[in-house]
Amino acid sequence: GGYLDATPNGFHGSALPPATPTAFEGGIAGCAKL
């Protein structure tokens, strides 16, 4: 659940193992590189 849903609905996402997406510089602050 580490990829947070910014709304109060709480639909948080999780990276599926075994590979974790790489943190990357996005168009708006940070993003995930898949």
PDB file of all heavy atoms in Angstrom:
ATOM      1  N   GLY A   1       0.798  -1.219   0.000  1.00  0.00           N
ATOM      2  CA  GLY A   1       0.000   0.000   0.000  1.00  0.00           C
ATOM      3  C   GLY A   1       0.822   1.256   0.000  1.00  0.00           C
ATOM      4  O   GLY A   1       0.340   2.334   0.342  1.00  0.00           O
ATOM      5  N   GLY A   2       2.090   1.151  -0.398  1.00  0.00           N
ATOM      6  CA  GLY A   2       2.995   2.295  -0.322  1.00  0.00           C
ATOM      7  C   GLY A   2       2.757   3.372  -1.362  1.00  0.00           C
ATOM      8  O   GLY A   2       3.220   4.491  -1.193  1.00  0.00           O
ATOM      9  N   TYR A   3       2.040   3.044  -2.433  1.00  0.00           N
ATOM     10  CA  TYR A   3       1.699   4.055  -3.441  1.00  0.00           C
ATOM     11  C   TYR A   3       0.328   4.613  -3.067  1.00  0.00           C
ATOM     12  O   TYR A   3      -0.711   4.013  -3.358  1.00  0.00           O
ATOM     13  CB  TYR A   3       1.705   3.447  -4.837  1.00  0.00           C
ATOM     14  CG  TYR A   3       3.102   3.123  -5.313  1.00  0.00           C
ATOM     15  CD1 TYR A   3       3.598   1.831  -5.217  1.00  0.00           C
ATOM     16  CD2 TYR A   3       3.922   4.117  -5.822  1.00  0.00           C
ATOM     17  CE1 TYR A   3       4.886   1.536  -5.636  1.00  0.00           C
ATOM     18  CE2 TYR A   3       5.212   3.830  -6.244  1.00  0.00           C
ATOM     19  CZ  TYR A   3       5.695   2.540  -6.143  1.00  0.00           C
ATOM     20  OH  TYR A   3       6.969   2.259  -6.557  1.00  0.00           O
ATOM     21  N   LEU A   4       0.335   5.741  -2.412  1.00  0.00           N
ATOM     22  CA  LEU A   4      -0.869   6.252  -1.769  1.00  0.00           C
ATOM     23  C   LEU A   4      -1.845   6.872  -2.760  1.00  0.00           C
ATOM     24  O   LEU A   4      -1.443   7.576  -3.699  1.00  0.00           O
ATOM     25  CB  LEU A   4      -0.486   7.289  -0.711  1.00  0.00           C
ATOM     26  CG  LEU A   4       0.429   6.801   0.418  1.00  0.00           C
ATOM     27  CD1 LEU A   4       0.707   7.937   1.387  1.00  0.00           C
ATOM     28  CD2 LEU A   4      -0.158   5.599   1.137  1.00  0.00           C
ATOM     29  N   ASP A   5      -3.109   6.615  -2.516  1.00  0.00           N
ATOM     30  CA  ASP A   5      -4.202   7.310  -3.190  1.00  0.00           C
ATOM     31  C   ASP A   5      -4.395   8.638  -2.461  1.00  0.00           C
ATOM     32  O   ASP A   5      -4.643   8.658  -1.255  1.00  0.00           O
ATOM     33  CB  ASP A   5      -5.459   6.450  -3.136  1.00  0.00           C
ATOM     34  CG  ASP A   5      -6.697   7.158  -3.642  1.00  0.00           C
ATOM     35  OD1 ASP A   5      -6.565   8.212  -4.299  1.00  0.00           O
ATOM     36  OD2 ASP A   5      -7.805   6.643  -3.374  1.00  0.00           O
ATOM     37  N   ALA A   6      -4.280   9.749  -3.173  1.00  0.00           N
ATOM     38  CA  ALA A   6      -4.368  11.061  -2.536  1.00  0.00           C
ATOM     39  C   ALA A   6      -5.782  11.390  -2.070  1.00  0.00           C
ATOM     40  O   ALA A   6      -5.957  12.270  -1.227  1.00  0.00           O
ATOM     41  CB  ALA A   6      -3.874  12.145  -3.494  1.00  0.00           C
ATOM     42  N   THR A   7      -6.799  10.709  -2.594  1.00  0.00           N
ATOM     43  CA  THR A   7      -8.172  10.975  -2.170  1.00  0.00           C
ATOM     44  C   THR A   7      -8.449  10.264  -0.846  1.00  0.00           C
ATOM     45  O   THR A   7      -7.704   9.356  -0.447  1.00  0.00           O
ATOM     46  CB  THR A   7      -9.183  10.489  -3.221  1.00  0.00           C
ATOM     47  OG1 THR A   7      -9.318   9.064  -3.127  1.00  0.00           O
ATOM     48  CG2 THR A   7      -8.751  10.875  -4.630  1.00  0.00           C
ATOM     49  N   PRO A   8      -9.535  10.618  -0.169  1.00  0.00           N
ATOM     50  CA  PRO A   8      -9.868   9.926   1.084  1.00  0.00           C
ATOM     51  C   PRO A   8     -10.428   8.519   0.867  1.00  0.00           C
ATOM     52  O   PRO A   8     -10.710   7.816   1.836  1.00  0.00           O
ATOM     53  CB  PRO A   8     -10.904  10.848   1.729  1.00  0.00           C
ATOM     54  CG  PRO A   8     -11.462  11.658   0.633  1.00  0.00           C
ATOM     55  CD  PRO A   8     -10.408  11.782  -0.405  1.00  0.00           C
ATOM     56  N   ASN A   9     -10.565   8.083  -0.397  1.00  0.00           N
ATOM     57  CA  ASN A   9     -11.124   6.758  -0.666  1.00  0.00           C
ATOM     58  C   ASN A   9     -10.160   5.638  -0.318  1.00  0.00           C
ATOM     59  O   ASN A   9     -10.579   4.497  -0.106  1.00  0.00           O
ATOM     60  CB  ASN A   9     -11.543   6.655  -2.132  1.00  0.00           C
ATOM     61  CG  ASN A   9     -12.639   7.650  -2.476  1.00  0.00           C
ATOM     62  OD1 ASN A   9     -13.527   7.910  -1.664  1.00  0.00           O
ATOM     63  ND2 ASN A   9     -12.580   8.223  -3.664  1.00  0.00           N
ATOM     64  N   GLY A  10      -8.864   5.933  -0.277  1.00  0.00           N
ATOM     65  CA  GLY A  10      -7.894   4.972   0.222  1.00  0.00           C
ATOM     66  C   GLY A  10      -7.603   3.803  -0.687  1.00  0.00           C
ATOM     67  O   GLY A  10      -7.300   2.708  -0.205  1.00  0.00           O
ATOM     68  N   PHE A  11      -7.648   3.985  -1.993  1.00  0.00           N
ATOM     69  CA  PHE A  11      -7.307   2.911  -2.926  1.00  0.00           C
ATOM     70  C   PHE A  11      -5.791   2.885  -3.132  1.00  0.00           C
ATOM     71  O   PHE A  11      -5.276   3.244  -4.204  1.00  0.00           O
ATOM     72  CB  PHE A  11      -8.032   3.107  -4.258  1.00  0.00           C
ATOM     73  CG  PHE A  11      -9.531   3.097  -4.144  1.00  0.00           C
ATOM     74  CD1 PHE A  11     -10.290   4.113  -4.695  1.00  0.00           C
ATOM     75  CD2 PHE A  11     -10.178   2.073  -3.467  1.00  0.00           C
ATOM     76  CE1 PHE A  11     -11.669   4.105  -4.591  1.00  0.00           C
ATOM     77  CE2 PHE A  11     -11.561   2.061  -3.349  1.00  0.00           C
ATOM     78  CZ  PHE A  11     -12.316   3.081  -3.908  1.00  0.00           C
ATOM     79  N   HIS A  12      -5.067   2.467  -2.108  1.00  0.00           N
ATOM     80  CA  HIS A  12      -3.609   2.499  -2.150  1.00  0.00           C
ATOM     81  C   HIS A  12      -3.071   1.316  -2.949  1.00  0.00           C
ATOM     82  O   HIS A  12      -3.612   0.202  -2.893  1.00  0.00           O
ATOM     83  CB  HIS A  12      -3.049   2.474  -0.735  1.00  0.00           C
ATOM     84  CG  HIS A  12      -3.586   3.562   0.145  1.00  0.00           C
ATOM     85  ND1 HIS A  12      -3.677   4.878  -0.264  1.00  0.00           N
ATOM     86  CD2 HIS A  12      -4.105   3.529   1.409  1.00  0.00           C
ATOM     87  CE1 HIS A  12      -4.201   5.609   0.710  1.00  0.00           C
ATOM     88  NE2 HIS A  12      -4.476   4.813   1.729  1.00  0.00           N
ATOM     89  N   GLY A  13      -1.992   1.573  -3.680  1.00  0.00           N
ATOM     90  CA  GLY A  13      -1.408   0.544  -4.534  1.00  0.00           C
ATOM     91  C   GLY A  13      -0.144  -0.047  -3.945  1.00  0.00           C
ATOM     92  O   GLY A  13       0.559   0.587  -3.163  1.00  0.00           O
ATOM     93  N   SER A  14       0.153  -1.286  -4.348  1.00  0.00           N
ATOM     94  CA  SER A  14       1.357  -1.995  -3.898  1.00  0.00           C
ATOM     95  C   SER A  14       2.120  -2.498  -5.118  1.00  0.00           C
ATOM     96  O   SER A  14       1.518  -2.940  -6.104  1.00  0.00           O
ATOM     97  CB  SER A  14       0.995  -3.181  -3.003  1.00  0.00           C
ATOM     98  OG  SER A  14       0.234  -2.768  -1.888  1.00  0.00           O
ATOM     99  N   ALA A  15       3.438  -2.442  -5.036  1.00  0.00           N
ATOM    100  CA  ALA A  15       4.272  -2.996  -6.100  1.00  0.00           C
ATOM    101  C   ALA A  15       4.231  -4.514  -6.019  1.00  0.00           C
ATOM    102  O   ALA A  15       4.387  -5.099  -4.941  1.00  0.00           O
ATOM    103  CB  ALA A  15       5.699  -2.490  -5.955  1.00  0.00           C
ATOM    104  N   LEU A  16       4.009  -5.197  -7.155  1.00  0.00           N
ATOM    105  CA  LEU A  16       3.968  -6.653  -7.161  1.00  0.00           C
ATOM    106  C   LEU A  16       5.386  -7.206  -7.159  1.00  0.00           C
ATOM    107  O   LEU A  16       6.223  -6.784  -7.962  1.00  0.00           O
ATOM    108  CB  LEU A  16       3.211  -7.154  -8.391  1.00  0.00           C
ATOM    109  CG  LEU A  16       1.715  -6.826  -8.436  1.00  0.00           C
ATOM    110  CD1 LEU A  16       1.068  -7.511  -9.617  1.00  0.00           C
ATOM    111  CD2 LEU A  16       1.020  -7.244  -7.147  1.00  0.00           C
ATOM    112  N   PRO A  17       5.677  -8.147  -6.269  1.00  0.00           N
ATOM    113  CA  PRO A  17       7.016  -8.724  -6.245  1.00  0.00           C
ATOM    114  C   PRO A  17       7.228  -9.602  -7.488  1.00  0.00           C
ATOM    115  O   PRO A  17       6.253 -10.001  -8.146  1.00  0.00           O
ATOM    116  CB  PRO A  17       7.001  -9.555  -4.949  1.00  0.00           C
ATOM    117  CG  PRO A  17       5.556  -9.871  -4.720  1.00  0.00           C
ATOM    118  CD  PRO A  17       4.797  -8.701  -5.262  1.00  0.00           C
ATOM    119  N   PRO A  18       8.487  -9.895  -7.826  1.00  0.00           N
ATOM    120  CA  PRO A  18       9.666  -9.596  -7.000  1.00  0.00           C
ATOM    121  C   PRO A  18      10.283  -8.236  -7.300  1.00  0.00           C
ATOM    122  O   PRO A  18      11.090  -7.747  -6.524  1.00  0.00           O
ATOM    123  CB  PRO A  18      10.624 -10.715  -7.410  1.00  0.00           C
ATOM    124  CG  PRO A  18      10.285 -10.957  -8.851  1.00  0.00           C
ATOM    125  CD  PRO A  18       8.794 -10.789  -8.962  1.00  0.00           C
ATOM    126  N   ALA A  19       9.939  -7.624  -8.423  1.00  0.00           N
ATOM    127  CA  ALA A  19      10.626  -6.400  -8.839  1.00  0.00           C
ATOM    128  C   ALA A  19       9.876  -5.174  -8.334  1.00  0.00           C
ATOM    129  O   ALA A  19       8.643  -5.108  -8.414  1.00  0.00           O
ATOM    130  CB  ALA A  19      10.760  -6.343 -10.353  1.00  0.00           C
ATOM    131  N   THR A  20      10.599  -4.208  -7.790  1.00  0.00           N
ATOM    132  CA  THR A  20      10.023  -2.962  -7.312  1.00  0.00           C
ATOM    133  C   THR A  20      10.328  -1.852  -8.307  1.00  0.00           C
ATOM    134  O   THR A  20      11.467  -1.711  -8.745  1.00  0.00           O
ATOM    135  CB  THR A  20      10.608  -2.581  -5.939  1.00  0.00           C
ATOM    136  OG1 THR A  20      10.283  -3.609  -5.007  1.00  0.00           O
ATOM    137  CG2 THR A  20      10.040  -1.268  -5.455  1.00  0.00           C
ATOM    138  N   PRO A  21       9.332  -1.060  -8.697  1.00  0.00           N
ATOM    139  CA  PRO A  21       9.597   0.046  -9.616  1.00  0.00           C
ATOM    140  C   PRO A  21      10.672   0.980  -9.081  1.00  0.00           C
ATOM    141  O   PRO A  21      10.834   1.141  -7.864  1.00  0.00           O
ATOM    142  CB  PRO A  21       8.247   0.749  -9.723  1.00  0.00           C
ATOM    143  CG  PRO A  21       7.244  -0.301  -9.376  1.00  0.00           C
ATOM    144  CD  PRO A  21       7.908  -1.165  -8.352  1.00  0.00           C
ATOM    145  N   THR A  22      11.377   1.624  -9.971  1.00  0.00           N
ATOM    146  CA  THR A  22      12.440   2.544  -9.605  1.00  0.00           C
ATOM    147  C   THR A  22      11.866   3.942  -9.383  1.00  0.00           C
ATOM    148  O   THR A  22      11.028   4.405 -10.162  1.00  0.00           O
ATOM    149  CB  THR A  22      13.504   2.603 -10.713  1.00  0.00           C
ATOM    150  OG1 THR A  22      13.976   1.281 -10.961  1.00  0.00           O
ATOM    151  CG2 THR A  22      14.653   3.501 -10.311  1.00  0.00           C
ATOM    152  N   ALA A  23      12.294   4.591  -8.293  1.00  0.00           N
ATOM    153  CA  ALA A  23      11.922   5.991  -8.090  1.00  0.00           C
ATOM    154  C   ALA A  23      12.588   6.837  -9.152  1.00  0.00           C
ATOM    155  O   ALA A  23      13.764   6.653  -9.474  1.00  0.00           O
ATOM    156  CB  ALA A  23      12.333   6.449  -6.701  1.00  0.00           C
ATOM    157  N   PHE A  24      11.854   7.788  -9.691  1.00  0.00           N
ATOM    158  CA  PHE A  24      12.341   8.534 -10.857  1.00  0.00           C
ATOM    159  C   PHE A  24      11.821   9.964 -10.770  1.00  0.00           C
ATOM    160  O   PHE A  24      10.846  10.253 -10.076  1.00  0.00           O
ATOM    161  CB  PHE A  24      11.822   7.849 -12.132  1.00  0.00           C
ATOM    162  CG  PHE A  24      12.614   8.160 -13.373  1.00  0.00           C
ATOM    163  CD1 PHE A  24      13.894   7.649 -13.544  1.00  0.00           C
ATOM    164  CD2 PHE A  24      12.075   8.960 -14.372  1.00  0.00           C
ATOM    165  CE1 PHE A  24      14.621   7.917 -14.702  1.00  0.00           C
ATOM    166  CE2 PHE A  24      12.789   9.241 -15.519  1.00  0.00           C
ATOM    167  CZ  PHE A  24      14.063   8.716 -15.677  1.00  0.00           C
ATOM    168  N   GLU A  25      12.480  10.867 -11.454  1.00  0.00           N
ATOM    169  CA  GLU A  25      12.026  12.262 -11.548  1.00  0.00           C
ATOM    170  C   GLU A  25      10.900  12.341 -12.563  1.00  0.00           C
ATOM    171  O   GLU A  25      11.073  12.009 -13.737  1.00  0.00           O
ATOM    172  CB  GLU A  25      13.167  13.176 -11.969  1.00  0.00           C
ATOM    173  CG  GLU A  25      12.781  14.636 -12.133  1.00  0.00           C
ATOM    174  CD  GLU A  25      12.442  15.341 -10.834  1.00  0.00           C
ATOM    175  OE1 GLU A  25      12.732  14.768  -9.755  1.00  0.00           O
ATOM    176  OE2 GLU A  25      11.884  16.452 -10.872  1.00  0.00           O
ATOM    177  N   GLY A  26       9.722  12.752 -12.107  1.00  0.00           N
ATOM    178  CA  GLY A  26       8.561  12.759 -12.978  1.00  0.00           C
ATOM    179  C   GLY A  26       8.245  14.114 -13.564  1.00  0.00           C
ATOM    180  O   GLY A  26       8.966  15.099 -13.373  1.00  0.00           O
ATOM    181  N   GLY A  27       7.151  14.153 -14.281  1.00  0.00           N
ATOM    182  CA  GLY A  27       6.692  15.429 -14.830  1.00  0.00           C
ATOM    183  C   GLY A  27       6.224  16.368 -13.738  1.00  0.00           C
ATOM    184  O   GLY A  27       6.271  17.583 -13.881  1.00  0.00           O
ATOM    185  N   ILE A  28       5.738  15.785 -12.631  1.00  0.00           N
ATOM    186  CA  ILE A  28       5.358  16.543 -11.435  1.00  0.00           C
ATOM    187  C   ILE A  28       6.009  15.854 -10.251  1.00  0.00           C
ATOM    188  O   ILE A  28       5.516  14.834  -9.767  1.00  0.00           O
ATOM    189  CB  ILE A  28       3.835  16.605 -11.256  1.00  0.00           C
ATOM    190  CG1 ILE A  28       3.160  17.203 -12.489  1.00  0.00           C
ATOM    191  CG2 ILE A  28       3.460  17.402 -10.013  1.00  0.00           C
ATOM    192  CD1 ILE A  28       1.651  17.128 -12.460  1.00  0.00           C
ATOM    193  N   ALA A  29       7.147  16.333  -9.796  1.00  0.00           N
ATOM    194  CA  ALA A  29       7.888  15.742  -8.671  1.00  0.00           C
ATOM    195  C   ALA A  29       8.267  14.305  -8.985  1.00  0.00           C
ATOM    196  O   ALA A  29       8.648  13.987 -10.113  1.00  0.00           O
ATOM    197  CB  ALA A  29       7.088  15.870  -7.385  1.00  0.00           C
ATOM    198  N   GLY A  30       8.162  13.396  -7.974  1.00  0.00           N
ATOM    199  CA  GLY A  30       8.607  12.025  -8.160  1.00  0.00           C
ATOM    200  C   GLY A  30       7.590  11.165  -8.875  1.00  0.00           C
ATOM    201  O   GLY A  30       6.397  11.456  -8.902  1.00  0.00           O
ATOM    202  N   CYS A  31       8.092  10.042  -9.441  1.00  0.00           N
ATOM    203  CA  CYS A  31       7.214   9.109 -10.124  1.00  0.00           C
ATOM    204  C   CYS A  31       7.803   7.710 -10.006  1.00  0.00           C
ATOM    205  O   CYS A  31       8.849   7.511  -9.384  1.00  0.00           O
ATOM    206  CB  CYS A  31       7.023   9.492 -11.582  1.00  0.00           C
ATOM    207  SG  CYS A  31       8.489   9.197 -12.606  1.00  0.00           S
ATOM    208  N   ALA A  32       7.130   6.737 -10.596  1.00  0.00           N
ATOM    209  CA  ALA A  32       7.603   5.359 -10.614  1.00  0.00           C
ATOM    210  C   ALA A  32       7.991   4.980 -12.038  1.00  0.00           C
ATOM    211  O   ALA A  32       7.224   5.208 -12.979  1.00  0.00           O
ATOM    212  CB  ALA A  32       6.527   4.420 -10.086  1.00  0.00           C
ATOM    213  N   LYS A  33       9.172   4.379 -12.190  1.00  0.00           N
ATOM    214  CA  LYS A  33       9.628   3.891 -13.487  1.00  0.00           C
ATOM    215  C   LYS A  33       9.344   2.395 -13.550  1.00  0.00           C
ATOM    216  O   LYS A  33       9.885   1.605 -12.778  1.00  0.00           O
ATOM    217  CB  LYS A  33      11.117   4.158 -13.671  1.00  0.00           C
ATOM    218  CG  LYS A  33      11.636   3.740 -15.046  1.00  0.00           C
ATOM    219  CD  LYS A  33      13.101   4.108 -15.213  1.00  0.00           C
ATOM    220  CE  LYS A  33      13.605   3.745 -16.615  1.00  0.00           C
ATOM    221  NZ  LYS A  33      15.032   4.101 -16.781  1.00  0.00           N
ATOM    222  N   LEU A  34       8.460   2.023 -14.473  1.00  0.00           N
ATOM    223  CA  LEU A  34       8.022   0.637 -14.611  1.00  0.00           C
ATOM    224  C   LEU A  34       8.698   0.018 -15.829  1.00  0.00           C
ATOM    225  O   LEU A  34       8.589   0.538 -16.946  1.00  0.00           O
ATOM    226  CB  LEU A  34       6.500   0.573 -14.766  1.00  0.00           C
ATOM    227  CG  LEU A  34       5.705   1.164 -13.591  1.00  0.00           C
ATOM    228  CD1 LEU A  34       4.250   1.366 -13.962  1.00  0.00           C
ATOM    229  CD2 LEU A  34       5.821   0.271 -12.369  1.00  0.00           C
TER     230      LEU A  34
END
